[in-house]
Amino acid sequence: MVEIVIGKYNFKIPVVGDGAVGKTSLINAHVRKTFSLDYKPTIGANIVKHEINLPEQMALVIFNIWDIAGQTLFKNMRRIFLQGGNAVICVYDVTRRETYEHILDDWYPDVKKFMKKYKVGILIANKVDLEEKREVSFEEGIELTKKLKRFGYMETSALRMQNVAAAFEYIASNLIPDKK
């Protein structure tokens, strides 16, 4: 079967959140279809290019995914990493309440300040496979999403690759212009 592509789009997508929430794991699960239990903190930012084909919209979406370090040591560099972003992925760890609280108190203010023209965002509650250690409920995630401008919500597990592709497809399908 031949897929027809009418539109080709290129977007910058920063992925933000505290250290060890699973940003790199989510990206690797989606792009490389791999998962590693070894934690290696991102230093500064890591950029990964990835294509998503949306046949129903006859579009090829090229993401430049910016995996941004979550450590406070790199806070002063966020402006550089966030500028020019078309969409944003905010990630927290459902087993660590403080990572959830830091989205609204720390990460989202930087998104608003430095990504003035972002079109869409998604709030990702990661590590839902660790249900017995969960500190943040699904309902709390939905409530937080209501406080963020132009954001969707999804619960994921990078380990199980649960909803990972769907999160990136959500961003892609909400970024391309409506053909109607």
N, C-alpha and C. Protein backbone atom coordinates (compact mmCIF):
# COMPACT_ATOMS: atom_id res chain seq x y z
N MET A 1 0.84 -1.18 0.00
CA MET A 1 0.00 0.00 0.00
C MET A 1 0.89 1.25 0.00
N VAL A 2 0.60 2.17 -0.88
CA VAL A 2 1.34 3.42 -0.98
C VAL A 2 0.61 4.48 -0.17
N GLU A 3 1.36 5.14 0.71
CA GLU A 3 0.77 6.20 1.51
C GLU A 3 1.09 7.54 0.86
N ILE A 4 0.10 8.36 0.71
CA ILE A 4 0.27 9.66 0.08
C ILE A 4 0.48 10.71 1.16
N VAL A 5 1.54 11.49 0.98
CA VAL A 5 1.83 12.58 1.91
C VAL A 5 1.69 13.89 1.16
N ILE A 6 0.77 14.72 1.62
CA ILE A 6 0.57 16.04 1.01
C ILE A 6 1.32 17.10 1.80
N GLY A 7 1.29 16.99 3.11
CA GLY A 7 1.94 17.99 3.96
C GLY A 7 3.12 17.40 4.71
N LYS A 8 4.21 18.17 4.76
CA LYS A 8 5.39 17.79 5.53
C LYS A 8 5.66 18.93 6.50
N TYR A 9 5.72 18.59 7.80
CA TYR A 9 5.81 19.61 8.83
C TYR A 9 6.98 19.30 9.77
N ASN A 10 7.65 20.35 10.21
CA ASN A 10 8.81 20.22 11.09
C ASN A 10 8.56 21.04 12.36
N PHE A 11 8.68 20.39 13.53
CA PHE A 11 8.37 21.06 14.79
C PHE A 11 9.43 20.79 15.86
N LYS A 12 9.63 21.78 16.71
CA LYS A 12 10.50 21.64 17.89
C LYS A 12 9.60 21.32 19.08
N ILE A 13 9.93 20.21 19.78
CA ILE A 13 9.12 19.75 20.91
C ILE A 13 10.00 19.58 22.15
N PRO A 14 10.03 20.55 23.05
CA PRO A 14 10.74 20.34 24.32
C PRO A 14 9.96 19.38 25.23
N VAL A 15 10.70 18.52 25.92
CA VAL A 15 10.12 17.60 26.91
C VAL A 15 10.70 18.02 28.25
N VAL A 16 9.83 18.45 29.18
CA VAL A 16 10.28 19.02 30.44
C VAL A 16 9.71 18.29 31.64
N GLY A 17 10.35 18.46 32.78
CA GLY A 17 9.92 17.87 34.04
C GLY A 17 11.14 17.63 34.90
N ASP A 18 10.91 17.35 36.15
CA ASP A 18 12.00 17.11 37.10
C ASP A 18 12.87 15.93 36.66
N GLY A 19 14.05 15.86 37.24
CA GLY A 19 14.95 14.74 36.98
C GLY A 19 14.32 13.43 37.41
N ALA A 20 14.59 12.38 36.65
CA ALA A 20 14.17 11.01 36.95
C ALA A 20 12.66 10.77 36.87
N VAL A 21 11.94 11.63 36.14
CA VAL A 21 10.50 11.38 35.94
C VAL A 21 10.26 10.45 34.75
N GLY A 22 11.29 10.26 33.92
CA GLY A 22 11.16 9.34 32.79
C GLY A 22 11.10 10.01 31.43
N LYS A 23 11.57 11.24 31.32
CA LYS A 23 11.54 11.94 30.03
C LYS A 23 12.34 11.19 28.97
N THR A 24 13.58 10.88 29.28
CA THR A 24 14.44 10.16 28.33
C THR A 24 13.87 8.78 28.04
N SER A 25 13.35 8.12 29.05
CA SER A 25 12.75 6.78 28.85
C SER A 25 11.56 6.84 27.92
N LEU A 26 10.72 7.87 28.06
CA LEU A 26 9.57 8.03 27.16
C LEU A 26 10.03 8.24 25.72
N ILE A 27 11.03 9.10 25.55
CA ILE A 27 11.54 9.37 24.21
C ILE A 27 12.14 8.11 23.60
N ASN A 28 12.96 7.39 24.38
CA ASN A 28 13.57 6.16 23.87
C ASN A 28 12.52 5.09 23.59
N ALA A 29 11.50 4.99 24.42
CA ALA A 29 10.42 4.02 24.19
C ALA A 29 9.71 4.33 22.88
N HIS A 30 9.52 5.60 22.58
CA HIS A 30 8.82 5.97 21.34
C HIS A 30 9.71 5.88 20.11
N VAL A 31 10.89 6.46 20.19
CA VAL A 31 11.76 6.57 19.02
C VAL A 31 12.51 5.27 18.75
N ARG A 32 13.10 4.69 19.79
CA ARG A 32 13.96 3.52 19.62
C ARG A 32 13.29 2.20 20.01
N LYS A 33 12.10 2.29 20.59
CA LYS A 33 11.37 1.10 21.07
C LYS A 33 12.20 0.31 22.09
N THR A 34 12.91 1.06 22.97
CA THR A 34 13.74 0.43 23.99
C THR A 34 13.43 1.04 25.36
N PHE A 35 13.83 0.30 26.39
CA PHE A 35 13.71 0.80 27.77
C PHE A 35 14.92 0.31 28.55
N SER A 36 15.50 1.18 29.36
CA SER A 36 16.65 0.81 30.18
C SER A 36 16.33 1.15 31.64
N LEU A 37 16.67 0.24 32.53
CA LEU A 37 16.47 0.48 33.97
C LEU A 37 17.57 1.35 34.55
N ASP A 38 18.67 1.53 33.82
CA ASP A 38 19.76 2.38 34.30
C ASP A 38 19.39 3.85 34.16
N TYR A 39 19.54 4.60 35.26
CA TYR A 39 19.25 6.04 35.22
C TYR A 39 20.53 6.80 34.92
N LYS A 40 20.47 7.54 33.84
CA LYS A 40 21.58 8.42 33.47
C LYS A 40 20.98 9.80 33.26
N PRO A 41 21.26 10.75 34.15
CA PRO A 41 20.66 12.08 33.99
C PRO A 41 21.12 12.76 32.71
N THR A 42 20.19 13.48 32.10
CA THR A 42 20.51 14.27 30.92
C THR A 42 21.31 15.48 31.37
N ILE A 43 22.36 15.78 30.64
CA ILE A 43 23.19 16.95 30.91
C ILE A 43 22.80 18.04 29.90
N GLY A 44 22.20 19.11 30.38
CA GLY A 44 21.76 20.19 29.49
C GLY A 44 20.54 19.78 28.70
N ALA A 45 20.75 19.35 27.46
CA ALA A 45 19.65 18.89 26.62
C ALA A 45 20.19 17.88 25.61
N ASN A 46 19.33 16.97 25.23
CA ASN A 46 19.65 16.00 24.19
C ASN A 46 18.58 16.15 23.11
N ILE A 47 18.98 16.22 21.86
CA ILE A 47 18.04 16.44 20.76
C ILE A 47 17.95 15.18 19.92
N VAL A 48 16.71 14.74 19.69
CA VAL A 48 16.44 13.55 18.90
C VAL A 48 15.47 13.92 17.78
N LYS A 49 15.77 13.49 16.57
CA LYS A 49 14.87 13.73 15.44
C LYS A 49 14.03 12.48 15.23
N HIS A 50 12.72 12.68 15.00
CA HIS A 50 11.82 11.55 14.81
C HIS A 50 10.68 11.94 13.87
N GLU A 51 10.32 11.03 12.98
CA GLU A 51 9.22 11.27 12.04
C GLU A 51 7.99 10.46 12.44
N ILE A 52 6.86 11.10 12.29
CA ILE A 52 5.57 10.44 12.53
C ILE A 52 4.73 10.62 11.28
N ASN A 53 4.27 9.52 10.73
CA ASN A 53 3.41 9.55 9.57
C ASN A 53 1.95 9.50 10.03
N LEU A 54 1.16 10.46 9.59
CA LEU A 54 -0.27 10.49 9.91
C LEU A 54 -1.06 10.30 8.62
N PRO A 55 -1.27 9.03 8.19
CA PRO A 55 -1.89 8.78 6.90
C PRO A 55 -3.30 9.36 6.76
N GLU A 56 -4.08 9.35 7.84
CA GLU A 56 -5.45 9.87 7.75
C GLU A 56 -5.46 11.38 7.48
N GLN A 57 -4.37 12.07 7.84
CA GLN A 57 -4.26 13.50 7.58
C GLN A 57 -3.29 13.78 6.43
N MET A 58 -2.80 12.69 5.80
CA MET A 58 -1.87 12.78 4.68
C MET A 58 -0.70 13.70 5.01
N ALA A 59 -0.11 13.46 6.19
CA ALA A 59 0.95 14.35 6.67
C ALA A 59 2.12 13.54 7.22
N LEU A 60 3.29 14.09 7.01
CA LEU A 60 4.51 13.59 7.63
C LEU A 60 4.97 14.67 8.60
N VAL A 61 5.08 14.31 9.88
CA VAL A 61 5.47 15.26 10.91
C VAL A 61 6.88 14.89 11.38
N ILE A 62 7.78 15.86 11.32
CA ILE A 62 9.14 15.66 11.77
C ILE A 62 9.31 16.41 13.10
N PHE A 63 9.61 15.66 14.13
CA PHE A 63 9.83 16.25 15.45
C PHE A 63 11.32 16.38 15.71
N ASN A 64 11.71 17.53 16.22
CA ASN A 64 13.02 17.72 16.84
C ASN A 64 12.71 17.76 18.33
N ILE A 65 12.90 16.62 18.99
CA ILE A 65 12.53 16.45 20.39
C ILE A 65 13.70 16.87 21.27
N TRP A 66 13.47 17.87 22.11
CA TRP A 66 14.50 18.37 23.03
C TRP A 66 14.25 17.78 24.41
N ASP A 67 15.06 16.84 24.79
CA ASP A 67 15.02 16.21 26.11
C ASP A 67 15.80 17.12 27.06
N ILE A 68 15.08 17.87 27.88
CA ILE A 68 15.69 18.91 28.70
C ILE A 68 15.97 18.38 30.12
N ALA A 69 17.19 18.63 30.58
CA ALA A 69 17.60 18.19 31.92
C ALA A 69 16.65 18.75 32.98
N GLY A 70 16.31 17.90 33.95
CA GLY A 70 15.38 18.31 34.99
C GLY A 70 16.02 18.86 36.24
N GLN A 71 17.32 18.75 36.36
CA GLN A 71 18.00 19.22 37.56
C GLN A 71 17.98 20.75 37.63
N THR A 72 17.84 21.28 38.83
CA THR A 72 17.78 22.74 39.01
C THR A 72 19.08 23.42 38.58
N LEU A 73 20.15 22.68 38.53
CA LEU A 73 21.43 23.20 38.06
C LEU A 73 21.31 23.82 36.66
N PHE A 74 20.40 23.29 35.84
CA PHE A 74 20.25 23.74 34.46
C PHE A 74 19.08 24.72 34.28
N LYS A 75 18.49 25.19 35.37
CA LYS A 75 17.33 26.08 35.28
C LYS A 75 17.60 27.33 34.45
N ASN A 76 18.79 27.93 34.60
CA ASN A 76 19.11 29.15 33.87
C ASN A 76 19.25 28.94 32.37
N MET A 77 19.35 27.70 31.92
CA MET A 77 19.49 27.40 30.50
C MET A 77 18.15 27.10 29.83
N ARG A 78 17.09 26.99 30.61
CA ARG A 78 15.79 26.60 30.05
C ARG A 78 15.33 27.54 28.95
N ARG A 79 15.56 28.83 29.12
CA ARG A 79 15.13 29.81 28.12
C ARG A 79 15.65 29.41 26.74
N ILE A 80 16.92 29.08 26.67
CA ILE A 80 17.54 28.71 25.40
C ILE A 80 16.90 27.44 24.84
N PHE A 81 16.65 26.46 25.70
CA PHE A 81 16.11 25.18 25.26
C PHE A 81 14.64 25.27 24.86
N LEU A 82 13.89 26.16 25.49
CA LEU A 82 12.45 26.26 25.24
C LEU A 82 12.10 27.18 24.07
N GLN A 83 12.91 28.20 23.83
CA GLN A 83 12.59 29.17 22.78
C GLN A 83 12.36 28.49 21.44
N GLY A 84 11.32 28.93 20.76
CA GLY A 84 11.01 28.41 19.43
C GLY A 84 10.25 27.10 19.43
N GLY A 85 9.90 26.60 20.61
CA GLY A 85 9.14 25.35 20.68
C GLY A 85 7.73 25.53 20.15
N ASN A 86 7.26 24.54 19.39
CA ASN A 86 5.91 24.58 18.83
C ASN A 86 4.90 23.90 19.75
N ALA A 87 5.36 22.96 20.53
CA ALA A 87 4.52 22.23 21.48
C ALA A 87 5.42 21.80 22.63
N VAL A 88 4.82 21.38 23.72
CA VAL A 88 5.62 20.99 24.88
C VAL A 88 5.00 19.74 25.52
N ILE A 89 5.88 18.90 26.02
CA ILE A 89 5.47 17.73 26.77
C ILE A 89 5.99 17.91 28.20
N CYS A 90 5.06 18.00 29.17
CA CYS A 90 5.42 18.13 30.58
C CYS A 90 5.19 16.78 31.24
N VAL A 91 6.22 16.27 31.91
CA VAL A 91 6.17 14.92 32.48
C VAL A 91 6.36 14.99 33.99
N TYR A 92 5.54 14.22 34.71
CA TYR A 92 5.77 14.02 36.14
C TYR A 92 5.67 12.53 36.44
N ASP A 93 6.19 12.16 37.59
CA ASP A 93 6.23 10.77 38.05
C ASP A 93 5.10 10.59 39.06
N VAL A 94 4.17 9.69 38.77
CA VAL A 94 3.01 9.50 39.66
C VAL A 94 3.40 8.97 41.03
N THR A 95 4.64 8.49 41.19
CA THR A 95 5.07 7.97 42.49
C THR A 95 5.80 9.02 43.33
N ARG A 96 5.95 10.23 42.78
CA ARG A 96 6.63 11.31 43.50
C ARG A 96 5.81 12.59 43.36
N ARG A 97 5.01 12.87 44.39
CA ARG A 97 4.09 14.02 44.36
C ARG A 97 4.80 15.34 44.05
N GLU A 98 6.01 15.54 44.55
CA GLU A 98 6.70 16.81 44.32
C GLU A 98 6.93 17.07 42.82
N THR A 99 7.09 16.01 42.03
CA THR A 99 7.30 16.21 40.58
C THR A 99 6.02 16.72 39.93
N TYR A 100 4.89 16.29 40.45
CA TYR A 100 3.57 16.77 40.00
C TYR A 100 3.41 18.25 40.37
N GLU A 101 3.74 18.60 41.60
CA GLU A 101 3.60 19.98 42.07
C GLU A 101 4.54 20.93 41.33
N HIS A 102 5.71 20.44 40.95
CA HIS A 102 6.68 21.29 40.25
C HIS A 102 6.23 21.65 38.83
N ILE A 103 5.31 20.90 38.26
CA ILE A 103 4.82 21.25 36.92
C ILE A 103 4.19 22.64 36.96
N LEU A 104 3.24 22.84 37.86
CA LEU A 104 2.54 24.13 37.94
C LEU A 104 3.39 25.23 38.56
N ASP A 105 4.20 24.87 39.54
CA ASP A 105 4.98 25.87 40.28
C ASP A 105 6.28 26.27 39.58
N ASP A 106 6.85 25.38 38.76
CA ASP A 106 8.19 25.62 38.22
C ASP A 106 8.25 25.51 36.69
N TRP A 107 7.80 24.40 36.15
CA TRP A 107 7.97 24.17 34.71
C TRP A 107 7.00 24.97 33.85
N TYR A 108 5.73 24.97 34.21
CA TYR A 108 4.74 25.67 33.39
C TYR A 108 5.01 27.18 33.32
N PRO A 109 5.40 27.86 34.39
CA PRO A 109 5.73 29.29 34.26
C PRO A 109 6.85 29.53 33.24
N ASP A 110 7.84 28.65 33.18
CA ASP A 110 8.90 28.79 32.18
C ASP A 110 8.37 28.55 30.77
N VAL A 111 7.47 27.60 30.62
CA VAL A 111 6.86 27.35 29.30
C VAL A 111 6.12 28.60 28.84
N LYS A 112 5.30 29.17 29.71
CA LYS A 112 4.56 30.39 29.35
C LYS A 112 5.49 31.55 29.03
N LYS A 113 6.56 31.67 29.78
CA LYS A 113 7.48 32.80 29.62
C LYS A 113 8.34 32.69 28.37
N PHE A 114 8.85 31.49 28.08
CA PHE A 114 9.82 31.34 27.01
C PHE A 114 9.27 30.71 25.73
N MET A 115 8.07 30.14 25.79
CA MET A 115 7.45 29.53 24.60
C MET A 115 6.15 30.26 24.29
N LYS A 116 6.26 31.50 23.99
CA LYS A 116 5.08 32.35 23.83
C LYS A 116 4.12 31.88 22.74
N LYS A 117 4.63 31.17 21.74
CA LYS A 117 3.78 30.78 20.61
C LYS A 117 3.51 29.28 20.54
N TYR A 118 3.66 28.57 21.67
CA TYR A 118 3.39 27.13 21.58
C TYR A 118 1.91 26.93 21.29
N LYS A 119 1.61 25.91 20.49
CA LYS A 119 0.24 25.66 20.05
C LYS A 119 -0.49 24.65 20.92
N VAL A 120 0.25 23.69 21.45
CA VAL A 120 -0.38 22.62 22.20
C VAL A 120 0.64 22.03 23.18
N GLY A 121 0.12 21.46 24.24
CA GLY A 121 0.96 20.75 25.19
C GLY A 121 0.25 19.50 25.65
N ILE A 122 1.02 18.62 26.24
CA ILE A 122 0.42 17.43 26.85
C ILE A 122 1.09 17.22 28.20
N LEU A 123 0.27 16.97 29.20
CA LEU A 123 0.74 16.64 30.53
C LEU A 123 0.77 15.12 30.61
N ILE A 124 1.96 14.57 30.88
CA ILE A 124 2.11 13.13 30.96
C ILE A 124 2.38 12.72 32.40
N ALA A 125 1.52 11.83 32.90
CA ALA A 125 1.71 11.20 34.21
C ALA A 125 2.41 9.87 33.92
N ASN A 126 3.69 9.79 34.21
CA ASN A 126 4.48 8.61 33.84
C ASN A 126 4.63 7.66 35.03
N LYS A 127 5.01 6.45 34.71
CA LYS A 127 5.28 5.36 35.67
C LYS A 127 4.00 4.80 36.29
N VAL A 128 2.92 4.76 35.52
CA VAL A 128 1.66 4.22 36.04
C VAL A 128 1.73 2.71 36.26
N ASP A 129 2.80 2.08 35.78
CA ASP A 129 2.99 0.65 36.06
C ASP A 129 3.32 0.41 37.54
N LEU A 130 3.71 1.46 38.26
CA LEU A 130 4.04 1.36 39.69
C LEU A 130 2.83 1.75 40.55
N GLU A 131 1.70 1.17 40.24
CA GLU A 131 0.42 1.51 40.88
C GLU A 131 0.49 1.44 42.41
N GLU A 132 1.19 0.46 42.96
CA GLU A 132 1.26 0.30 44.42
C GLU A 132 2.02 1.43 45.10
N LYS A 133 2.82 2.18 44.34
CA LYS A 133 3.59 3.30 44.90
C LYS A 133 3.00 4.66 44.51
N ARG A 134 1.88 4.64 43.87
CA ARG A 134 1.28 5.85 43.33
C ARG A 134 0.92 6.86 44.42
N GLU A 135 1.30 8.14 44.19
CA GLU A 135 0.98 9.23 45.11
C GLU A 135 0.07 10.28 44.48
N VAL A 136 -0.07 10.25 43.15
CA VAL A 136 -0.90 11.23 42.44
C VAL A 136 -1.96 10.47 41.64
N SER A 137 -3.22 10.79 41.90
CA SER A 137 -4.32 10.08 41.24
C SER A 137 -4.57 10.60 39.83
N PHE A 138 -5.28 9.81 39.06
CA PHE A 138 -5.73 10.20 37.73
C PHE A 138 -6.51 11.52 37.79
N GLU A 139 -7.41 11.61 38.76
CA GLU A 139 -8.25 12.80 38.90
C GLU A 139 -7.41 14.06 39.16
N GLU A 140 -6.36 13.92 39.96
CA GLU A 140 -5.48 15.06 40.22
C GLU A 140 -4.76 15.49 38.94
N GLY A 141 -4.39 14.54 38.11
CA GLY A 141 -3.77 14.86 36.82
C GLY A 141 -4.72 15.65 35.94
N ILE A 142 -5.96 15.23 35.89
CA ILE A 142 -6.99 15.94 35.10
C ILE A 142 -7.17 17.36 35.65
N GLU A 143 -7.23 17.50 36.96
CA GLU A 143 -7.39 18.83 37.58
C GLU A 143 -6.22 19.75 37.22
N LEU A 144 -5.01 19.23 37.25
CA LEU A 144 -3.86 20.04 36.89
C LEU A 144 -3.93 20.48 35.43
N THR A 145 -4.36 19.59 34.57
CA THR A 145 -4.48 19.91 33.14
C THR A 145 -5.42 21.10 32.92
N LYS A 146 -6.45 21.20 33.72
CA LYS A 146 -7.41 22.31 33.59
C LYS A 146 -6.76 23.66 33.91
N LYS A 147 -5.66 23.66 34.65
CA LYS A 147 -4.97 24.90 35.00
C LYS A 147 -3.93 25.29 33.96
N LEU A 148 -3.66 24.40 33.02
CA LEU A 148 -2.66 24.65 31.98
C LEU A 148 -3.38 25.04 30.69
N LYS A 149 -2.81 25.94 29.93
CA LYS A 149 -3.44 26.44 28.72
C LYS A 149 -3.10 25.56 27.51
N ARG A 150 -4.13 25.06 26.84
CA ARG A 150 -3.99 24.25 25.61
C ARG A 150 -3.25 22.94 25.87
N PHE A 151 -3.61 22.23 26.93
CA PHE A 151 -2.96 20.97 27.27
C PHE A 151 -3.94 19.81 27.26
N GLY A 152 -3.46 18.66 26.79
CA GLY A 152 -4.15 17.40 26.95
C GLY A 152 -3.52 16.65 28.12
N TYR A 153 -4.06 15.48 28.43
CA TYR A 153 -3.55 14.68 29.54
C TYR A 153 -3.47 13.22 29.13
N MET A 154 -2.41 12.55 29.56
CA MET A 154 -2.27 11.13 29.28
C MET A 154 -1.44 10.48 30.38
N GLU A 155 -1.82 9.27 30.73
CA GLU A 155 -1.03 8.48 31.67
C GLU A 155 -0.24 7.45 30.87
N THR A 156 1.05 7.32 31.22
CA THR A 156 1.94 6.45 30.44
C THR A 156 2.79 5.57 31.35
N SER A 157 3.35 4.56 30.71
CA SER A 157 4.41 3.74 31.30
C SER A 157 5.45 3.53 30.21
N ALA A 158 6.60 4.14 30.38
CA ALA A 158 7.68 3.92 29.40
C ALA A 158 8.14 2.46 29.46
N LEU A 159 8.15 1.87 30.64
CA LEU A 159 8.56 0.48 30.81
C LEU A 159 7.68 -0.45 29.97
N ARG A 160 6.37 -0.26 30.04
CA ARG A 160 5.42 -1.10 29.30
C ARG A 160 5.07 -0.54 27.93
N MET A 161 5.63 0.63 27.61
CA MET A 161 5.34 1.34 26.36
C MET A 161 3.84 1.62 26.21
N GLN A 162 3.22 1.87 27.34
CA GLN A 162 1.78 2.14 27.41
C GLN A 162 1.50 3.61 27.12
N ASN A 163 0.72 3.88 26.09
CA ASN A 163 0.30 5.23 25.68
C ASN A 163 1.44 6.14 25.23
N VAL A 164 2.64 5.61 25.06
CA VAL A 164 3.77 6.44 24.67
C VAL A 164 3.59 6.97 23.25
N ALA A 165 3.33 6.08 22.30
CA ALA A 165 3.12 6.52 20.92
C ALA A 165 1.91 7.44 20.83
N ALA A 166 0.87 7.14 21.58
CA ALA A 166 -0.35 7.97 21.56
C ALA A 166 -0.07 9.40 22.00
N ALA A 167 0.83 9.57 22.97
CA ALA A 167 1.16 10.91 23.45
C ALA A 167 1.82 11.73 22.34
N PHE A 168 2.76 11.14 21.63
CA PHE A 168 3.44 11.85 20.55
C PHE A 168 2.50 12.08 19.37
N GLU A 169 1.63 11.13 19.09
CA GLU A 169 0.64 11.30 18.01
C GLU A 169 -0.35 12.40 18.35
N TYR A 170 -0.70 12.53 19.62
CA TYR A 170 -1.59 13.61 20.06
C TYR A 170 -0.98 14.96 19.70
N ILE A 171 0.30 15.12 20.04
CA ILE A 171 1.00 16.37 19.73
C ILE A 171 1.01 16.58 18.22
N ALA A 172 1.40 15.57 17.46
CA ALA A 172 1.51 15.69 16.00
C ALA A 172 0.18 16.08 15.38
N SER A 173 -0.88 15.38 15.74
CA SER A 173 -2.18 15.64 15.11
C SER A 173 -2.75 17.00 15.50
N ASN A 174 -2.35 17.53 16.65
CA ASN A 174 -2.83 18.85 17.07
C ASN A 174 -1.96 19.99 16.56
N LEU A 175 -0.84 19.68 15.96
CA LEU A 175 0.04 20.72 15.42
C LEU A 175 -0.20 21.00 13.94
N ILE A 176 -0.56 19.98 13.19
CA ILE A 176 -0.69 20.21 11.75
C ILE A 176 -1.97 20.98 11.45
N PRO A 177 -1.93 21.84 10.43
CA PRO A 177 -3.10 22.66 10.10
C PRO A 177 -4.29 21.79 9.70
N ASP A 178 -5.46 22.23 10.07
CA ASP A 178 -6.70 21.54 9.71
C ASP A 178 -6.93 21.69 8.21
N LYS A 179 -7.19 20.57 7.53
CA LYS A 179 -7.37 20.57 6.08
C LYS A 179 -8.79 20.95 5.65
N LYS A 180 -9.68 21.13 6.59
CA LYS A 180 -11.09 21.40 6.24
C LYS A 180 -11.31 22.82 5.77
